[in-house]
Amino acid sequence: MQQIQRRSLVDTVVDQLRASITDGTWPIGTRIPSEAELTAVLGVSRPSVREGVRSLVQLGLLEARQGDGTYVIADDEAQVALRRALHTADSREVIRVRRALDALAAREAAASRTPAQLDALAAHLSARRTAIERADTAGFTEHDVAYHLAIAEASGNQLLSSIYASFDASLRESVADASCLSHGDDPDRADMHEALYRAIAGQDPEAAQTAALGVLDQQERLLDERP
């Protein structure tokens, strides 16, 4: 048997602050109460509050902004850790991991998507096409990424959707790197995004998986074409 360690006040503060973030009391984008306010509410010393806040900043849930306070920037520590790992991962490694996730998301979306979710996919696909015609890289990136995230959401698998959301920054970086957009050309030369939509609309899991993997095949070819 080992001696039971007493929990420090800082640990308790961290738990209280984390709970306010994860239960939605402080949604993402919220400025949390000041150090003085937290000290009064929690009934602990300022140094304990300061250290607790600093711990959550290091975990990536909070961000201290000079002269403006401290803001909630994430509500899932696991997702933050995965995003950090993805940020330093090789692009081809990310694509290989996405093969498993995209294939599963496409199959399950084809089987369980709702009419409203299908409408959302159609809207993102249409906006994506418009951005290509206008050589609008920012708009293209926004709707291309939103399209893939919406497919994961349409799968009905909350864990899959949460994991896939961690790829947000990585997806944006890879999409924005598609230099052919500046010439009004679609990096998806085989219209696999369209094929993916049709397969999901037609509730054909096999075709949806094939199209999803086709999208990633093209992304790998774009990596090979980089100077």
Protein backbone atom coordinates (compact mmCIF):
# COMPACT_ATOMS: atom_id res chain seq x y z
CA MET A 1 0.00 0.00 0.00
CA GLN A 2 1.12 3.53 -0.70
CA GLN A 3 0.52 6.67 1.28
CA ILE A 4 -2.44 8.62 -0.05
CA GLN A 5 -1.33 11.98 -1.40
CA ARG A 6 -3.36 15.06 -0.59
CA ARG A 7 -4.58 16.95 -3.63
CA SER A 8 -3.18 20.45 -3.90
CA LEU A 9 -5.36 23.52 -4.16
CA VAL A 10 -4.02 24.07 -7.67
CA ASP A 11 -5.29 20.64 -8.75
CA THR A 12 -8.71 21.50 -7.37
CA VAL A 13 -8.70 24.85 -9.17
CA VAL A 14 -7.73 23.14 -12.43
CA ASP A 15 -10.60 20.67 -12.02
CA GLN A 16 -13.11 23.47 -11.35
CA LEU A 17 -11.94 25.55 -14.31
CA ARG A 18 -11.84 22.54 -16.63
CA ALA A 19 -15.38 21.59 -15.59
CA SER A 20 -16.64 25.07 -16.48
CA ILE A 21 -15.11 24.65 -19.94
CA THR A 22 -16.22 21.10 -20.69
CA ASP A 23 -19.79 21.49 -19.39
CA GLY A 24 -20.37 24.52 -21.60
CA THR A 25 -20.51 27.12 -18.84
CA TRP A 26 -17.66 28.85 -20.66
CA PRO A 27 -18.06 28.08 -24.39
CA ILE A 28 -15.16 28.41 -26.81
CA GLY A 29 -14.51 32.11 -27.43
CA THR A 30 -15.59 33.14 -23.93
CA ARG A 31 -13.39 35.39 -21.80
CA ILE A 32 -13.19 33.76 -18.39
CA PRO A 33 -13.65 35.77 -15.16
CA SER A 34 -10.71 37.80 -13.93
CA GLU A 35 -8.19 36.44 -11.48
CA ALA A 36 -9.79 38.50 -8.69
CA GLU A 37 -13.26 37.19 -9.54
CA LEU A 38 -12.08 33.59 -9.63
CA THR A 39 -10.29 34.03 -6.32
CA ALA A 40 -13.51 35.23 -4.71
CA VAL A 41 -15.71 32.53 -6.26
CA LEU A 42 -13.37 29.61 -5.57
CA GLY A 43 -12.26 30.81 -2.14
CA VAL A 44 -8.56 30.21 -2.78
CA SER A 45 -5.50 32.41 -3.05
CA ARG A 46 -4.54 34.36 -6.16
CA PRO A 47 -1.36 32.31 -6.69
CA SER A 48 -3.45 29.10 -6.75
CA VAL A 49 -5.83 30.60 -9.32
CA ARG A 50 -2.93 31.95 -11.37
CA GLU A 51 -1.21 28.56 -11.43
CA GLY A 52 -4.45 26.77 -12.30
CA VAL A 53 -5.10 29.09 -15.23
CA ARG A 54 -1.50 28.70 -16.38
CA SER A 55 -1.90 24.91 -16.35
CA LEU A 56 -4.94 25.10 -18.65
CA VAL A 57 -3.10 27.50 -20.95
CA GLN A 58 -0.32 24.93 -21.26
CA LEU A 59 -2.91 22.22 -21.99
CA GLY A 60 -4.24 24.36 -24.82
CA LEU A 61 -7.72 24.97 -23.41
CA LEU A 62 -7.11 28.62 -22.52
CA GLU A 63 -5.21 31.46 -24.16
CA ALA A 64 -3.94 34.51 -22.28
CA ARG A 65 -4.18 37.69 -24.38
CA GLN A 66 -2.06 40.58 -23.22
CA GLY A 67 -4.25 43.39 -21.94
CA ASP A 68 -7.48 41.60 -22.87
CA GLY A 69 -7.86 38.69 -20.44
CA THR A 70 -7.90 34.92 -20.83
CA TYR A 71 -10.11 33.15 -23.37
CA VAL A 72 -11.38 29.61 -23.89
CA ILE A 73 -9.94 28.31 -27.18
CA ALA A 74 -10.72 24.58 -26.90
CA ASP A 75 -12.84 22.25 -24.78
CA ASP A 76 -11.22 18.87 -25.45
CA GLU A 77 -7.67 18.15 -24.27
CA ALA A 78 -7.37 15.01 -26.39
CA GLN A 79 -8.32 16.95 -29.50
CA VAL A 80 -5.75 19.64 -28.68
CA ALA A 81 -3.04 17.00 -28.27
CA LEU A 82 -3.98 15.39 -31.58
CA ARG A 83 -3.94 18.74 -33.37
CA ARG A 84 -0.47 19.42 -32.03
CA ALA A 85 0.74 16.04 -33.27
CA LEU A 86 -0.83 16.64 -36.69
CA HIS A 87 0.81 20.05 -36.94
CA THR A 88 4.26 18.45 -36.95
CA ALA A 89 3.34 15.30 -38.91
CA ASP A 90 4.46 14.62 -42.46
CA SER A 91 1.74 15.38 -45.05
CA ARG A 92 1.82 11.83 -46.41
CA GLU A 93 1.46 10.39 -42.92
CA VAL A 94 -1.64 12.53 -42.43
CA ILE A 95 -3.10 11.30 -45.72
CA ARG A 96 -2.47 7.67 -44.76
CA VAL A 97 -4.31 8.16 -41.47
CA ARG A 98 -7.10 9.98 -43.27
CA ARG A 99 -7.58 7.00 -45.59
CA ALA A 100 -8.98 5.00 -42.70
CA LEU A 101 -11.07 7.87 -41.32
CA ASP A 102 -12.40 9.13 -44.67
CA ALA A 103 -13.33 5.64 -45.84
CA LEU A 104 -15.28 5.00 -42.62
CA ALA A 105 -16.91 8.44 -42.64
CA ALA A 106 -18.00 8.08 -46.27
CA ARG A 107 -19.48 4.62 -45.76
CA GLU A 108 -21.38 5.56 -42.62
CA ALA A 109 -22.56 8.89 -44.08
CA ALA A 110 -23.98 7.05 -47.10
CA ALA A 111 -25.85 4.73 -44.75
CA SER A 112 -27.15 7.23 -42.21
CA ARG A 113 -27.15 10.78 -43.61
CA THR A 114 -30.28 12.86 -43.12
CA PRO A 115 -31.91 15.10 -45.76
CA ALA A 116 -30.70 18.18 -43.88
CA GLN A 117 -27.14 16.86 -43.81
CA LEU A 118 -27.31 16.10 -47.52
CA ASP A 119 -28.47 19.67 -48.15
CA ALA A 120 -25.49 20.96 -46.17
CA LEU A 121 -23.10 18.87 -48.27
CA ALA A 122 -24.68 20.19 -51.47
CA ALA A 123 -24.35 23.77 -50.23
CA HIS A 124 -20.65 23.37 -49.40
CA LEU A 125 -20.02 21.67 -52.75
CA SER A 126 -21.75 24.50 -54.62
CA ALA A 127 -19.82 27.16 -52.68
CA ARG A 128 -16.61 25.23 -53.37
CA ARG A 129 -17.30 25.35 -57.13
CA THR A 130 -18.06 29.08 -56.98
CA ALA A 131 -14.78 29.73 -55.14
CA ILE A 132 -12.88 27.82 -57.84
CA GLU A 133 -14.46 29.93 -60.59
CA ARG A 134 -13.44 33.09 -58.74
CA ALA A 135 -9.94 31.78 -57.90
CA ASP A 136 -10.91 32.46 -54.27
CA THR A 137 -8.42 30.39 -52.31
CA ALA A 138 -9.78 31.41 -48.89
CA GLY A 139 -13.37 30.57 -49.87
CA PHE A 140 -12.32 27.33 -51.50
CA THR A 141 -10.39 26.26 -48.39
CA GLU A 142 -13.32 27.12 -46.11
CA HIS A 143 -15.91 25.12 -48.03
CA ASP A 144 -13.68 22.21 -49.02
CA VAL A 145 -12.77 21.62 -45.38
CA ALA A 146 -16.37 22.17 -44.25
CA TYR A 147 -17.50 19.61 -46.83
CA HIS A 148 -15.27 16.89 -45.39
CA LEU A 149 -16.13 17.78 -41.80
CA ALA A 150 -19.83 17.63 -42.72
CA ILE A 151 -19.37 14.13 -44.12
CA ALA A 152 -17.84 13.01 -40.83
CA GLU A 153 -20.76 14.59 -38.97
CA ALA A 154 -23.26 12.91 -41.31
CA SER A 155 -21.75 9.55 -40.39
CA GLY A 156 -23.64 9.77 -37.10
CA ASN A 157 -20.49 8.56 -35.33
CA GLN A 158 -19.71 11.21 -32.73
CA LEU A 159 -16.27 9.83 -31.88
CA LEU A 160 -15.30 9.75 -35.56
CA SER A 161 -16.62 13.28 -36.04
CA SER A 162 -14.64 14.53 -33.04
CA ILE A 163 -11.41 12.88 -34.19
CA TYR A 164 -11.88 14.17 -37.72
CA ALA A 165 -12.40 17.71 -36.42
CA SER A 166 -8.85 17.52 -35.09
CA PHE A 167 -7.66 17.48 -38.69
CA ASP A 168 -9.14 20.93 -39.31
CA ALA A 169 -5.81 22.83 -39.37
CA SER A 170 -4.07 20.08 -41.32
CA LEU A 171 -6.87 20.01 -43.88
CA ARG A 172 -6.75 23.77 -44.33
CA GLU A 173 -3.01 23.72 -44.86
CA SER A 174 -3.14 20.98 -47.49
CA VAL A 175 -6.06 22.58 -49.35
CA ALA A 176 -4.50 26.04 -49.33
CA ASP A 177 -1.34 24.56 -50.87
CA ALA A 178 -3.24 23.70 -54.07
CA SER A 179 -1.51 26.29 -56.26
CA CYS A 180 -3.67 25.52 -59.32
CA LEU A 181 -6.50 27.44 -57.63
CA SER A 182 -4.82 30.69 -58.58
CA HIS A 183 -5.56 29.78 -62.20
CA GLY A 184 -9.19 28.85 -61.54
CA ASP A 185 -8.50 25.12 -61.79
CA ASP A 186 -9.97 22.49 -59.46
CA PRO A 187 -7.30 20.33 -57.78
CA ASP A 188 -9.92 17.55 -57.91
CA ARG A 189 -9.43 16.84 -61.61
CA ALA A 190 -11.56 13.71 -61.61
CA ASP A 191 -14.54 15.30 -59.82
CA MET A 192 -14.24 12.84 -56.95
CA HIS A 193 -15.91 15.32 -54.58
CA GLU A 194 -18.95 15.25 -56.86
CA ALA A 195 -18.80 11.46 -57.05
CA LEU A 196 -18.60 11.30 -53.27
CA TYR A 197 -21.67 13.49 -52.92
CA ARG A 198 -23.65 11.39 -55.42
CA ALA A 199 -22.72 8.19 -53.60
CA ILE A 200 -23.81 9.60 -50.24
CA ALA A 201 -27.00 10.97 -51.79
CA GLY A 202 -27.68 7.56 -53.37
CA GLN A 203 -26.88 5.79 -50.08
CA ASP A 204 -24.17 3.65 -51.74
CA PRO A 205 -21.47 2.95 -49.10
CA GLU A 206 -19.11 1.14 -51.51
CA ALA A 207 -19.16 3.96 -54.06
CA ALA A 208 -18.79 6.53 -51.29
CA GLN A 209 -15.69 4.80 -49.93
CA THR A 210 -14.17 4.54 -53.41
CA ALA A 211 -14.75 8.25 -54.07
CA ALA A 212 -13.38 9.29 -50.66
CA LEU A 213 -10.17 7.34 -51.29
CA GLY A 214 -10.03 8.83 -54.79
CA VAL A 215 -9.96 12.32 -53.29
CA LEU A 216 -6.94 11.35 -51.20
CA ASP A 217 -5.22 9.72 -54.20
CA GLN A 218 -5.40 13.08 -55.94
CA GLN A 219 -4.01 14.88 -52.92
CA GLU A 220 -1.02 12.57 -52.91
CA ARG A 221 -0.45 13.27 -56.60
CA LEU A 222 -0.53 17.01 -55.87
CA LEU A 223 2.18 16.47 -53.25
CA ASP A 224 4.29 14.68 -55.89
CA GLU A 225 3.85 17.61 -58.28
CA ARG A 226 5.14 20.19 -55.84
CA PRO A 227 8.39 21.82 -57.00
